Amino acid sequence: MPLKPFFQTPEQSHMHSLWTLNTLYEYDDFMGSIKTLADMGCGSGLDLEWWATRTTREIESPRPLNIRCHGYDMLSELKVAKKYRNIGYLQQDFEQPLVSGKTKYDVIWC
């Protein structure tokens, strides 16, 4: 019998992640050090979009952090990847080695 998903919608899953994501955002040096990120099991890409749109926390002139984000999931396409230039997507079965090649990631999010 297949397992029932813990979260019923992508938004519920993202809301669950937001506490951790928003806590990480408070660490300027950490956020500024991230150049590449892989989201394993990215689903609809809401967490990917969060990472891809982060800026510095400067109040008067925040600058984009320009984190290069890569989403991996079994979906045939990821709409959010078409919306942002710094998001890439690859349909990937996690039981197989990643086909992204030699890409190194600063953060693995899953």
PDB file of N, CA and C in Angstrom:
ATOM      1  N   MET A   1       0.840  -1.166   0.000  1.00  0.00           N
ATOM      2  CA  MET A   1       0.000   0.000   0.000  1.00  0.00           C
ATOM      3  C   MET A   1       0.896   1.245   0.000  1.00  0.00           C
ATOM      4  N   PRO A   2       0.659   2.193  -0.939  1.00  0.00           N
ATOM      5  CA  PRO A   2       1.467   3.413  -0.991  1.00  0.00           C
ATOM      6  C   PRO A   2       1.264   4.257   0.261  1.00  0.00           C
ATOM      7  N   LEU A   3       2.332   4.941   0.646  1.00  0.00           N
ATOM      8  CA  LEU A   3       2.246   5.844   1.792  1.00  0.00           C
ATOM      9  C   LEU A   3       1.502   7.109   1.410  1.00  0.00           C
ATOM     10  N   LYS A   4       0.713   7.628   2.318  1.00  0.00           N
ATOM     11  CA  LYS A   4       0.015   8.889   2.119  1.00  0.00           C
ATOM     12  C   LYS A   4       1.006  10.018   2.398  1.00  0.00           C
ATOM     13  N   PRO A   5       1.067  11.034   1.525  1.00  0.00           N
ATOM     14  CA  PRO A   5       1.994  12.147   1.763  1.00  0.00           C
ATOM     15  C   PRO A   5       1.690  12.852   3.086  1.00  0.00           C
ATOM     16  N   PHE A   6       2.736  13.287   3.775  1.00  0.00           N
ATOM     17  CA  PHE A   6       2.578  13.999   5.038  1.00  0.00           C
ATOM     18  C   PHE A   6       1.879  15.341   4.814  1.00  0.00           C
ATOM     19  N   PHE A   7       2.283  16.032   3.743  1.00  0.00           N
ATOM     20  CA  PHE A   7       1.678  17.325   3.417  1.00  0.00           C
ATOM     21  C   PHE A   7       0.734  17.127   2.249  1.00  0.00           C
ATOM     22  N   GLN A   8      -0.434  17.724   2.337  1.00  0.00           N
ATOM     23  CA  GLN A   8      -1.452  17.550   1.307  1.00  0.00           C
ATOM     24  C   GLN A   8      -1.261  18.474   0.105  1.00  0.00           C
ATOM     25  N   THR A   9      -0.542  19.593   0.294  1.00  0.00           N
ATOM     26  CA  THR A   9      -0.321  20.542  -0.804  1.00  0.00           C
ATOM     27  C   THR A   9       1.128  21.017  -0.775  1.00  0.00           C
ATOM     28  N   PRO A  10       1.641  21.507  -1.923  1.00  0.00           N
ATOM     29  CA  PRO A  10       2.984  22.095  -1.930  1.00  0.00           C
ATOM     30  C   PRO A  10       3.108  23.264  -0.962  1.00  0.00           C
ATOM     31  N   GLU A  11       2.046  24.028  -0.817  1.00  0.00           N
ATOM     32  CA  GLU A  11       2.085  25.180   0.087  1.00  0.00           C
ATOM     33  C   GLU A  11       2.261  24.742   1.539  1.00  0.00           C
ATOM     34  N   GLN A  12       1.620  23.632   1.944  1.00  0.00           N
ATOM     35  CA  GLN A  12       1.786  23.112   3.307  1.00  0.00           C
ATOM     36  C   GLN A  12       3.235  22.692   3.540  1.00  0.00           C
ATOM     37  N   SER A  13       3.829  22.043   2.563  1.00  0.00           N
ATOM     38  CA  SER A  13       5.226  21.628   2.682  1.00  0.00           C
ATOM     39  C   SER A  13       6.136  22.849   2.806  1.00  0.00           C
ATOM     40  N   HIS A  14       5.888  23.856   1.976  1.00  0.00           N
ATOM     41  CA  HIS A  14       6.705  25.067   2.003  1.00  0.00           C
ATOM     42  C   HIS A  14       6.541  25.815   3.328  1.00  0.00           C
ATOM     43  N   MET A  15       5.332  25.892   3.839  1.00  0.00           N
ATOM     44  CA  MET A  15       5.110  26.551   5.130  1.00  0.00           C
ATOM     45  C   MET A  15       5.887  25.846   6.240  1.00  0.00           C
ATOM     46  N   HIS A  16       5.992  24.537   6.134  1.00  0.00           N
ATOM     47  CA  HIS A  16       6.765  23.767   7.108  1.00  0.00           C
ATOM     48  C   HIS A  16       8.252  24.145   7.016  1.00  0.00           C
ATOM     49  N   SER A  17       8.744  24.374   5.818  1.00  0.00           N
ATOM     50  CA  SER A  17      10.151  24.731   5.597  1.00  0.00           C
ATOM     51  C   SER A  17      10.463  26.164   5.992  1.00  0.00           C
ATOM     52  N   LEU A  18       9.476  27.042   5.899  1.00  0.00           N
ATOM     53  CA  LEU A  18       9.738  28.472   6.072  1.00  0.00           C
ATOM     54  C   LEU A  18      10.364  28.846   7.404  1.00  0.00           C
ATOM     55  N   TRP A  19      10.020  28.170   8.467  1.00  0.00           N
ATOM     56  CA  TRP A  19      10.624  28.507   9.756  1.00  0.00           C
ATOM     57  C   TRP A  19      12.138  28.336   9.675  1.00  0.00           C
ATOM     58  N   THR A  20      12.583  27.213   9.138  1.00  0.00           N
ATOM     59  CA  THR A  20      14.028  26.973   9.002  1.00  0.00           C
ATOM     60  C   THR A  20      14.644  27.941   8.007  1.00  0.00           C
ATOM     61  N   LEU A  21      14.009  28.132   6.866  1.00  0.00           N
ATOM     62  CA  LEU A  21      14.544  29.042   5.853  1.00  0.00           C
ATOM     63  C   LEU A  21      14.692  30.455   6.397  1.00  0.00           C
ATOM     64  N   ASN A  22      13.676  30.951   7.061  1.00  0.00           N
ATOM     65  CA  ASN A  22      13.736  32.315   7.592  1.00  0.00           C
ATOM     66  C   ASN A  22      14.748  32.450   8.730  1.00  0.00           C
ATOM     67  N   THR A  23      14.981  31.374   9.465  1.00  0.00           N
ATOM     68  CA  THR A  23      16.020  31.394  10.488  1.00  0.00           C
ATOM     69  C   THR A  23      17.398  31.466   9.835  1.00  0.00           C
ATOM     70  N   LEU A  24      17.622  30.676   8.798  1.00  0.00           N
ATOM     71  CA  LEU A  24      18.906  30.709   8.078  1.00  0.00           C
ATOM     72  C   LEU A  24      19.172  32.092   7.481  1.00  0.00           C
ATOM     73  N   TYR A  25      18.128  32.752   7.032  1.00  0.00           N
ATOM     74  CA  TYR A  25      18.255  34.060   6.403  1.00  0.00           C
ATOM     75  C   TYR A  25      18.826  35.112   7.346  1.00  0.00           C
ATOM     76  N   GLU A  26      18.716  34.874   8.637  1.00  0.00           N
ATOM     77  CA  GLU A  26      19.249  35.805   9.639  1.00  0.00           C
ATOM     78  C   GLU A  26      20.783  35.772   9.711  1.00  0.00           C
ATOM     79  N   TYR A  27      21.409  34.765   9.141  1.00  0.00           N
ATOM     80  CA  TYR A  27      22.865  34.594   9.199  1.00  0.00           C
ATOM     81  C   TYR A  27      23.486  35.135   7.917  1.00  0.00           C
ATOM     82  N   ASP A  28      23.814  36.418   7.934  1.00  0.00           N
ATOM     83  CA  ASP A  28      24.294  37.105   6.738  1.00  0.00           C
ATOM     84  C   ASP A  28      25.539  36.458   6.134  1.00  0.00           C
ATOM     85  N   ASP A  29      26.533  36.125   6.960  1.00  0.00           N
ATOM     86  CA  ASP A  29      27.763  35.527   6.429  1.00  0.00           C
ATOM     87  C   ASP A  29      27.482  34.183   5.773  1.00  0.00           C
ATOM     88  N   PHE A  30      26.623  33.380   6.390  1.00  0.00           N
ATOM     89  CA  PHE A  30      26.256  32.088   5.816  1.00  0.00           C
ATOM     90  C   PHE A  30      25.546  32.289   4.479  1.00  0.00           C
ATOM     91  N   MET A  31      24.524  33.124   4.449  1.00  0.00           N
ATOM     92  CA  MET A  31      23.769  33.335   3.217  1.00  0.00           C
ATOM     93  C   MET A  31      24.660  33.899   2.114  1.00  0.00           C
ATOM     94  N   GLY A  32      25.547  34.808   2.472  1.00  0.00           N
ATOM     95  CA  GLY A  32      26.442  35.408   1.485  1.00  0.00           C
ATOM     96  C   GLY A  32      27.476  34.439   0.943  1.00  0.00           C
ATOM     97  N   SER A  33      27.715  33.353   1.645  1.00  0.00           N
ATOM     98  CA  SER A  33      28.716  32.379   1.192  1.00  0.00           C
ATOM     99  C   SER A  33      28.155  31.355   0.207  1.00  0.00           C
ATOM    100  N   ILE A  34      26.848  31.312   0.051  1.00  0.00           N
ATOM    101  CA  ILE A  34      26.225  30.285  -0.803  1.00  0.00           C
ATOM    102  C   ILE A  34      26.221  30.739  -2.256  1.00  0.00           C
ATOM    103  N   LYS A  35      26.829  29.934  -3.091  1.00  0.00           N
ATOM    104  CA  LYS A  35      26.833  30.209  -4.535  1.00  0.00           C
ATOM    105  C   LYS A  35      25.960  29.216  -5.293  1.00  0.00           C
ATOM    106  N   THR A  36      25.922  27.962  -4.821  1.00  0.00           N
ATOM    107  CA  THR A  36      25.136  26.927  -5.499  1.00  0.00           C
ATOM    108  C   THR A  36      24.350  26.112  -4.486  1.00  0.00           C
ATOM    109  N   LEU A  37      23.155  25.689  -4.902  1.00  0.00           N
ATOM    110  CA  LEU A  37      22.275  24.943  -4.026  1.00  0.00           C
ATOM    111  C   LEU A  37      21.557  23.879  -4.846  1.00  0.00           C
ATOM    112  N   ALA A  38      21.422  22.687  -4.277  1.00  0.00           N
ATOM    113  CA  ALA A  38      20.621  21.626  -4.882  1.00  0.00           C
ATOM    114  C   ALA A  38      19.441  21.343  -3.967  1.00  0.00           C
ATOM    115  N   ASP A  39      18.252  21.324  -4.537  1.00  0.00           N
ATOM    116  CA  ASP A  39      17.039  20.979  -3.793  1.00  0.00           C
ATOM    117  C   ASP A  39      16.608  19.597  -4.282  1.00  0.00           C
ATOM    118  N   MET A  40      16.844  18.598  -3.448  1.00  0.00           N
ATOM    119  CA  MET A  40      16.528  17.216  -3.796  1.00  0.00           C
ATOM    120  C   MET A  40      15.070  16.936  -3.451  1.00  0.00           C
ATOM    121  N   GLY A  41      14.287  16.600  -4.442  1.00  0.00           N
ATOM    122  CA  GLY A  41      12.857  16.419  -4.223  1.00  0.00           C
ATOM    123  C   GLY A  41      12.169  17.760  -4.139  1.00  0.00           C
ATOM    124  N   CYS A  42      12.451  18.630  -5.092  1.00  0.00           N
ATOM    125  CA  CYS A  42      11.995  20.023  -5.024  1.00  0.00           C
ATOM    126  C   CYS A  42      10.492  20.194  -5.209  1.00  0.00           C
ATOM    127  N   GLY A  43       9.801  19.168  -5.639  1.00  0.00           N
ATOM    128  CA  GLY A  43       8.346  19.287  -5.799  1.00  0.00           C
ATOM    129  C   GLY A  43       7.978  20.420  -6.724  1.00  0.00           C
ATOM    130  N   SER A  44       7.095  21.293  -6.285  1.00  0.00           N
ATOM    131  CA  SER A  44       6.643  22.405  -7.127  1.00  0.00           C
ATOM    132  C   SER A  44       7.657  23.549  -7.191  1.00  0.00           C
ATOM    133  N   GLY A  45       8.691  23.500  -6.362  1.00  0.00           N
ATOM    134  CA  GLY A  45       9.760  24.496  -6.428  1.00  0.00           C
ATOM    135  C   GLY A  45       9.593  25.705  -5.538  1.00  0.00           C
ATOM    136  N   LEU A  46       8.679  25.651  -4.589  1.00  0.00           N
ATOM    137  CA  LEU A  46       8.480  26.824  -3.721  1.00  0.00           C
ATOM    138  C   LEU A  46       9.716  27.126  -2.872  1.00  0.00           C
ATOM    139  N   ASP A  47      10.377  26.102  -2.341  1.00  0.00           N
ATOM    140  CA  ASP A  47      11.612  26.339  -1.580  1.00  0.00           C
ATOM    141  C   ASP A  47      12.719  26.838  -2.511  1.00  0.00           C
ATOM    142  N   LEU A  48      12.801  26.278  -3.706  1.00  0.00           N
ATOM    143  CA  LEU A  48      13.792  26.744  -4.691  1.00  0.00           C
ATOM    144  C   LEU A  48      13.600  28.228  -4.989  1.00  0.00           C
ATOM    145  N   GLU A  49      12.352  28.612  -5.166  1.00  0.00           N
ATOM    146  CA  GLU A  49      12.066  30.019  -5.441  1.00  0.00           C
ATOM    147  C   GLU A  49      12.506  30.898  -4.270  1.00  0.00           C
ATOM    148  N   TRP A  50      12.317  30.431  -3.051  1.00  0.00           N
ATOM    149  CA  TRP A  50      12.765  31.182  -1.874  1.00  0.00           C
ATOM    150  C   TRP A  50      14.267  31.420  -1.961  1.00  0.00           C
ATOM    151  N   TRP A  51      15.035  30.340  -2.193  1.00  0.00           N
ATOM    152  CA  TRP A  51      16.496  30.460  -2.279  1.00  0.00           C
ATOM    153  C   TRP A  51      16.913  31.370  -3.440  1.00  0.00           C
ATOM    154  N   ALA A  52      16.286  31.212  -4.588  1.00  0.00           N
ATOM    155  CA  ALA A  52      16.682  31.953  -5.792  1.00  0.00           C
ATOM    156  C   ALA A  52      16.407  33.447  -5.691  1.00  0.00           C
ATOM    157  N   THR A  53      15.488  33.841  -4.845  1.00  0.00           N
ATOM    158  CA  THR A  53      15.105  35.253  -4.763  1.00  0.00           C
ATOM    159  C   THR A  53      15.669  35.964  -3.533  1.00  0.00           C
ATOM    160  N   ARG A  54      16.559  35.318  -2.798  1.00  0.00           N
ATOM    161  CA  ARG A  54      17.115  35.961  -1.598  1.00  0.00           C
ATOM    162  C   ARG A  54      17.970  37.148  -1.982  1.00  0.00           C
ATOM    163  N   THR A  55      17.913  38.156  -1.120  1.00  0.00           N
ATOM    164  CA  THR A  55      18.741  39.351  -1.251  1.00  0.00           C
ATOM    165  C   THR A  55      19.484  39.552   0.061  1.00  0.00           C
ATOM    166  N   THR A  56      20.435  40.481   0.033  1.00  0.00           N
ATOM    167  CA  THR A  56      21.056  40.871   1.298  1.00  0.00           C
ATOM    168  C   THR A  56      19.974  41.526   2.148  1.00  0.00           C
ATOM    169  N   ARG A  57      20.209  41.618   3.436  1.00  0.00           N
ATOM    170  CA  ARG A  57      19.186  42.175   4.337  1.00  0.00           C
ATOM    171  C   ARG A  57      19.345  43.674   4.543  1.00  0.00           C
ATOM    172  N   GLU A  58      20.140  44.321   3.737  1.00  0.00           N
ATOM    173  CA  GLU A  58      20.308  45.767   3.852  1.00  0.00           C
ATOM    174  C   GLU A  58      18.978  46.454   3.566  1.00  0.00           C
ATOM    175  N   ILE A  59      18.579  47.330   4.445  1.00  0.00           N
ATOM    176  CA  ILE A  59      17.261  47.951   4.346  1.00  0.00           C
ATOM    177  C   ILE A  59      17.172  48.922   3.170  1.00  0.00           C
ATOM    178  N   GLU A  60      18.187  49.747   2.976  1.00  0.00           N
ATOM    179  CA  GLU A  60      18.087  50.782   1.952  1.00  0.00           C
ATOM    180  C   GLU A  60      18.348  50.284   0.541  1.00  0.00           C
ATOM    181  N   SER A  61      19.262  49.358   0.373  1.00  0.00           N
ATOM    182  CA  SER A  61      19.550  48.882  -0.986  1.00  0.00           C
ATOM    183  C   SER A  61      19.959  47.403  -0.969  1.00  0.00           C
ATOM    184  N   PRO A  62      18.984  46.521  -0.747  1.00  0.00           N
ATOM    185  CA  PRO A  62      19.309  45.092  -0.761  1.00  0.00           C
ATOM    186  C   PRO A  62      19.755  44.658  -2.151  1.00  0.00           C
ATOM    187  N   ARG A  63      20.760  43.775  -2.185  1.00  0.00           N
ATOM    188  CA  ARG A  63      21.289  43.255  -3.440  1.00  0.00           C
ATOM    189  C   ARG A  63      20.967  41.762  -3.549  1.00  0.00           C
ATOM    190  N   PRO A  64      20.665  41.293  -4.752  1.00  0.00           N
ATOM    191  CA  PRO A  64      20.392  39.861  -4.924  1.00  0.00           C
ATOM    192  C   PRO A  64      21.617  39.030  -4.550  1.00  0.00           C
ATOM    193  N   LEU A  65      21.391  37.910  -3.886  1.00  0.00           N
ATOM    194  CA  LEU A  65      22.485  36.996  -3.562  1.00  0.00           C
ATOM    195  C   LEU A  65      22.875  36.144  -4.770  1.00  0.00           C
ATOM    196  N   ASN A  66      21.995  36.056  -5.764  1.00  0.00           N
ATOM    197  CA  ASN A  66      22.270  35.325  -7.006  1.00  0.00           C
ATOM    198  C   ASN A  66      22.721  33.891  -6.764  1.00  0.00           C
ATOM    199  N   ILE A  67      22.022  33.196  -5.905  1.00  0.00           N
ATOM    200  CA  ILE A  67      22.337  31.781  -5.647  1.00  0.00           C
ATOM    201  C   ILE A  67      21.871  30.969  -6.849  1.00  0.00           C
ATOM    202  N   ARG A  68      22.782  30.171  -7.410  1.00  0.00           N
ATOM    203  CA  ARG A  68      22.442  29.293  -8.540  1.00  0.00           C
ATOM    204  C   ARG A  68      21.780  28.053  -7.966  1.00  0.00           C
ATOM    205  N   CYS A  69      20.507  27.869  -8.265  1.00  0.00           N
ATOM    206  CA  CYS A  69      19.704  26.810  -7.664  1.00  0.00           C
ATOM    207  C   CYS A  69      19.398  25.720  -8.686  1.00  0.00           C
ATOM    208  N   HIS A  70      19.522  24.480  -8.245  1.00  0.00           N
ATOM    209  CA  HIS A  70      19.224  23.322  -9.099  1.00  0.00           C
ATOM    210  C   HIS A  70      18.176  22.477  -8.390  1.00  0.00           C
ATOM    211  N   GLY A  71      17.067  22.219  -9.074  1.00  0.00           N
ATOM    212  CA  GLY A  71      16.011  21.374  -8.523  1.00  0.00           C
ATOM    213  C   GLY A  71      16.046  19.997  -9.157  1.00  0.00           C
ATOM    214  N   TYR A  72      15.825  18.985  -8.337  1.00  0.00           N
ATOM    215  CA  TYR A  72      15.775  17.599  -8.802  1.00  0.00           C
ATOM    216  C   TYR A  72      14.498  16.965  -8.269  1.00  0.00           C
ATOM    217  N   ASP A  73      13.736  16.363  -9.175  1.00  0.00           N
ATOM    218  CA  ASP A  73      12.508  15.686  -8.779  1.00  0.00           C
ATOM    219  C   ASP A  73      12.075  14.796  -9.937  1.00  0.00           C
ATOM    220  N   MET A  74      10.968  14.094  -9.744  1.00  0.00           N
ATOM    221  CA  MET A  74      10.464  13.188 -10.772  1.00  0.00           C
ATOM    222  C   MET A  74       9.436  13.852 -11.688  1.00  0.00           C
ATOM    223  N   LEU A  75       9.081  15.106 -11.448  1.00  0.00           N
ATOM    224  CA  LEU A  75       8.133  15.803 -12.313  1.00  0.00           C
ATOM    225  C   LEU A  75       8.738  16.000 -13.699  1.00  0.00           C
ATOM    226  N   SER A  76       7.901  15.991 -14.727  1.00  0.00           N
ATOM    227  CA  SER A  76       8.414  16.156 -16.086  1.00  0.00           C
ATOM    228  C   SER A  76       8.920  17.579 -16.344  1.00  0.00           C
ATOM    229  N   GLU A  77       8.379  18.563 -15.632  1.00  0.00           N
ATOM    230  CA  GLU A  77       8.858  19.944 -15.770  1.00  0.00           C
ATOM    231  C   GLU A  77       8.651  20.688 -14.452  1.00  0.00           C
ATOM    232  N   LEU A  78       9.338  21.800 -14.328  1.00  0.00           N
ATOM    233  CA  LEU A  78       9.205  22.648 -13.142  1.00  0.00           C
ATOM    234  C   LEU A  78       8.957  24.067 -13.630  1.00  0.00           C
ATOM    235  N   LYS A  79       7.731  24.557 -13.461  1.00  0.00           N
ATOM    236  CA  LYS A  79       7.350  25.872 -13.987  1.00  0.00           C
ATOM    237  C   LYS A  79       8.190  26.995 -13.415  1.00  0.00           C
ATOM    238  N   VAL A  80       8.537  26.910 -12.131  1.00  0.00           N
ATOM    239  CA  VAL A  80       9.312  27.992 -11.506  1.00  0.00           C
ATOM    240  C   VAL A  80      10.705  28.109 -12.140  1.00  0.00           C
ATOM    241  N   ALA A  81      11.219  27.036 -12.723  1.00  0.00           N
ATOM    242  CA  ALA A  81      12.533  27.079 -13.372  1.00  0.00           C
ATOM    243  C   ALA A  81      12.501  27.965 -14.605  1.00  0.00           C
ATOM    244  N   LYS A  82      11.351  28.108 -15.216  1.00  0.00           N
ATOM    245  CA  LYS A  82      11.220  28.970 -16.391  1.00  0.00           C
ATOM    246  C   LYS A  82      11.065  30.438 -15.999  1.00  0.00           C
ATOM    247  N   LYS A  83      10.737  30.671 -14.753  1.00  0.00           N
ATOM    248  CA  LYS A  83      10.476  32.026 -14.250  1.00  0.00           C
ATOM    249  C   LYS A  83      11.760  32.756 -13.844  1.00  0.00           C
ATOM    250  N   TYR A  84      12.784  32.002 -13.429  1.00  0.00           N
ATOM    251  CA  TYR A  84      14.027  32.604 -12.915  1.00  0.00           C
ATOM    252  C   TYR A  84      15.236  32.038 -13.652  1.00  0.00           C
ATOM    253  N   ARG A  85      16.155  32.927 -14.018  1.00  0.00           N
ATOM    254  CA  ARG A  85      17.358  32.487 -14.737  1.00  0.00           C
ATOM    255  C   ARG A  85      18.314  31.706 -13.849  1.00  0.00           C
ATOM    256  N   ASN A  86      18.220  31.873 -12.540  1.00  0.00           N
ATOM    257  CA  ASN A  86      19.155  31.184 -11.650  1.00  0.00           C
ATOM    258  C   ASN A  86      18.576  29.886 -11.082  1.00  0.00           C
ATOM    259  N   ILE A  87      17.505  29.369 -11.701  1.00  0.00           N
ATOM    260  CA  ILE A  87      16.972  28.062 -11.316  1.00  0.00           C
ATOM    261  C   ILE A  87      17.056  27.120 -12.505  1.00  0.00           C
ATOM    262  N   GLY A  88      17.687  25.973 -12.278  1.00  0.00           N
ATOM    263  CA  GLY A  88      17.705  24.914 -13.268  1.00  0.00           C
ATOM    264  C   GLY A  88      16.955  23.711 -12.720  1.00  0.00           C
ATOM    265  N   TYR A  89      16.471  22.878 -13.605  1.00  0.00           N
ATOM    266  CA  TYR A  89      15.709  21.707 -13.169  1.00  0.00           C
ATOM    267  C   TYR A  89      16.124  20.489 -13.970  1.00  0.00           C
ATOM    268  N   LEU A  90      16.163  19.354 -13.278  1.00  0.00           N
ATOM    269  CA  LEU A  90      16.460  18.090 -13.931  1.00  0.00           C
ATOM    270  C   LEU A  90      15.553  17.017 -13.357  1.00  0.00           C
ATOM    271  N   GLN A  91      14.836  16.336 -14.235  1.00  0.00           N
ATOM    272  CA  GLN A  91      14.027  15.202 -13.792  1.00  0.00           C
ATOM    273  C   GLN A  91      15.005  14.096 -13.420  1.00  0.00           C
ATOM    274  N   GLN A  92      14.930  13.634 -12.170  1.00  0.00           N
ATOM    275  CA  GLN A  92      15.952  12.716 -11.656  1.00  0.00           C
ATOM    276  C   GLN A  92      15.353  11.727 -10.679  1.00  0.00           C
ATOM    277  N   ASP A  93      15.685  10.469 -10.847  1.00  0.00           N
ATOM    278  CA  ASP A  93      15.351   9.407  -9.904  1.00  0.00           C
ATOM    279  C   ASP A  93      16.496   9.337  -8.903  1.00  0.00           C
ATOM    280  N   PHE A  94      16.210   9.523  -7.626  1.00  0.00           N
ATOM    281  CA  PHE A  94      17.274   9.604  -6.623  1.00  0.00           C
ATOM    282  C   PHE A  94      17.958   8.269  -6.352  1.00  0.00           C
ATOM    283  N   GLU A  95      17.407   7.188  -6.877  1.00  0.00           N
ATOM    284  CA  GLU A  95      18.072   5.896  -6.713  1.00  0.00           C
ATOM    285  C   GLU A  95      19.229   5.748  -7.686  1.00  0.00           C
ATOM    286  N   GLN A  96      19.364   6.692  -8.598  1.00  0.00           N
ATOM    287  CA  GLN A  96      20.452   6.711  -9.570  1.00  0.00           C
ATOM    288  C   GLN A  96      21.414   7.852  -9.221  1.00  0.00           C
ATOM    289  N   PRO A  97      22.675   7.733  -9.610  1.00  0.00           N
ATOM    290  CA  PRO A  97      23.602   8.855  -9.361  1.00  0.00           C
ATOM    291  C   PRO A  97      23.125  10.109 -10.091  1.00  0.00           C
ATOM    292  N   LEU A  98      23.387  11.262  -9.494  1.00  0.00           N
ATOM    293  CA  LEU A  98      23.016  12.522 -10.133  1.00  0.00           C
ATOM    294  C   LEU A  98      23.717  12.647 -11.470  1.00  0.00           C
ATOM    295  N   VAL A  99      22.965  13.093 -12.458  1.00  0.00           N
ATOM    296  CA  VAL A  99      23.556  13.259 -13.780  1.00  0.00           C
ATOM    297  C   VAL A  99      24.076  14.675 -13.993  1.00  0.00           C
ATOM    298  N   SER A 100      24.104  15.463 -12.940  1.00  0.00           N
ATOM    299  CA  SER A 100      24.566  16.846 -13.074  1.00  0.00           C
ATOM    300  C   SER A 100      26.072  16.933 -13.266  1.00  0.00           C
ATOM    301  N   GLY A 101      26.731  15.810 -13.164  1.00  0.00           N
ATOM    302  CA  GLY A 101      28.165  15.810 -13.438  1.00  0.00           C
ATOM    303  C   GLY A 101      29.009  16.313 -12.299  1.00  0.00           C
ATOM    304  N   LYS A 102      29.837  17.298 -12.591  1.00  0.00           N
ATOM    305  CA  LYS A 102      30.839  17.753 -11.629  1.00  0.00           C
ATOM    306  C   LYS A 102      30.409  18.968 -10.821  1.00  0.00           C
ATOM    307  N   THR A 103      29.136  19.300 -10.860  1.00  0.00           N
ATOM    308  CA  THR A 103      28.665  20.445 -10.096  1.00  0.00           C
ATOM    309  C   THR A 103      28.840  20.188  -8.603  1.00  0.00           C
ATOM    310  N   LYS A 104      29.414  21.146  -7.923  1.00  0.00           N
ATOM    311  CA  LYS A 104      29.556  21.087  -6.473  1.00  0.00           C
ATOM    312  C   LYS A 104      28.544  22.052  -5.876  1.00  0.00           C
ATOM    313  N   TYR A 105      27.966  21.631  -4.770  1.00  0.00           N
ATOM    314  CA  TYR A 105      26.928  22.450  -4.141  1.00  0.00           C
ATOM    315  C   TYR A 105      27.386  22.911  -2.769  1.00  0.00           C
ATOM    316  N   ASP A 106      27.077  24.160  -2.457  1.00  0.00           N
ATOM    317  CA  ASP A 106      27.343  24.690  -1.116  1.00  0.00           C
ATOM    318  C   ASP A 106      26.292  24.202  -0.134  1.00  0.00           C
ATOM    319  N   VAL A 107      25.050  24.021  -0.605  1.00  0.00           N
ATOM    320  CA  VAL A 107      23.940  23.581   0.243  1.00  0.00           C
ATOM    321  C   VAL A 107      23.156  22.515  -0.503  1.00  0.00           C
ATOM    322  N   ILE A 108      22.829  21.430   0.198  1.00  0.00           N
ATOM    323  CA  ILE A 108      21.890  20.429  -0.285  1.00  0.00           C
ATOM    324  C   ILE A 108      20.639  20.593   0.559  1.00  0.00           C
ATOM    325  N   TRP A 109      19.546  20.925  -0.081  1.00  0.00           N
ATOM    326  CA  TRP A 109      18.264  21.134   0.602  1.00  0.00           C
ATOM    327  C   TRP A 109      17.326  20.006   0.204  1.00  0.00           C
ATOM    328  N   CYS A 110      16.670  19.413   1.184  1.00  0.00           N
ATOM    329  CA  CYS A 110      15.718  18.357   0.831  1.00  0.00           C
ATOM    330  C   CYS A 110      14.636  18.258   1.884  1.00  0.00           C
TER     331      CYS A 110
END
